[in-house]
Amino acid sequence: MIGLDYVSLTRLDLSGCTEVTDQGLQHISNLAHLRAIKLDRCLRLGDASMQTLGAITSLGALSLVSCARIGNPGVACLASLDGLTDLNLEQLGRLTDDGLAALKTLSNLTTLNVGWCNSGGGGPPLECMPDLKKLSMCALAIPESAFEVMCSRSLLTSLNLNNCRVTSSRTLDLLSRLSSLKCLDMGQCDMVTDDTMAAISHITTLEVLALAHTHLTDVGVQNLAE
């Protein structure tokens, strides 16, 4: 049993262990020194398992990619983990804006991935996360108000907006406020056109720019280079 025999563990990766259940995960509750755990694609884990994780206050990093049974009640259990700095909730189809709102207590987050969740436009409470450096919001609808809060996170160095639905072209002008941004992914974004390239080109700190599968033409590439 993990909980009894490996009490000194600091990192645990159970990714793809599709037979691990909520009951089985209870055995890690005694791992008081656990700092990081990956449970990606553990398809039988549900909201009840998050109660176990919420009690491991030593956690600094948690990844739950594609844990399809985990939704708002489960994510709410993570609100007690105020020591988390890295949280990956990508592809949690049952996670909506109500569940994302529970993340407001995680003020120490520096890395957050909520891509492909079922957000209706509110998104995570970024105003409560002043230290964010890496943010992924793939495939979310981002209203102008949320985009403005996101662009006030001055420490952001990496931003993934792949396949996002940005509701106003004016919001792209706000990206220039991200004075530390080095990596930007806006692939598959309908808002990326020849006309909007000027806004992106104003981000002078960029080192990596991904614009795959957008509507750019030669004109847009020229605007980027000028």
Foldseek 3Di string as FASTA:
>chain_A
DCLPPPLQDQEEEPAPVQPQALVNLLSVLNNQNHAEYEHEPNQRYALSNLLSVLNNLNYAEYAHHQNARYEQNSLLSVLNNLNHAYYHPAQNARYEPNSLASVLSNQNHQYYEHANYHYPAPGHPLLSHLNHAEYEHEQEEHELVNLLSVLVSQNHAYYEHDNYAYPDLVSLLSNLSNQNHAYYEHANYASDELVSLLSVLSNPNYDYYHHHHYHYDPSSVVSNVD
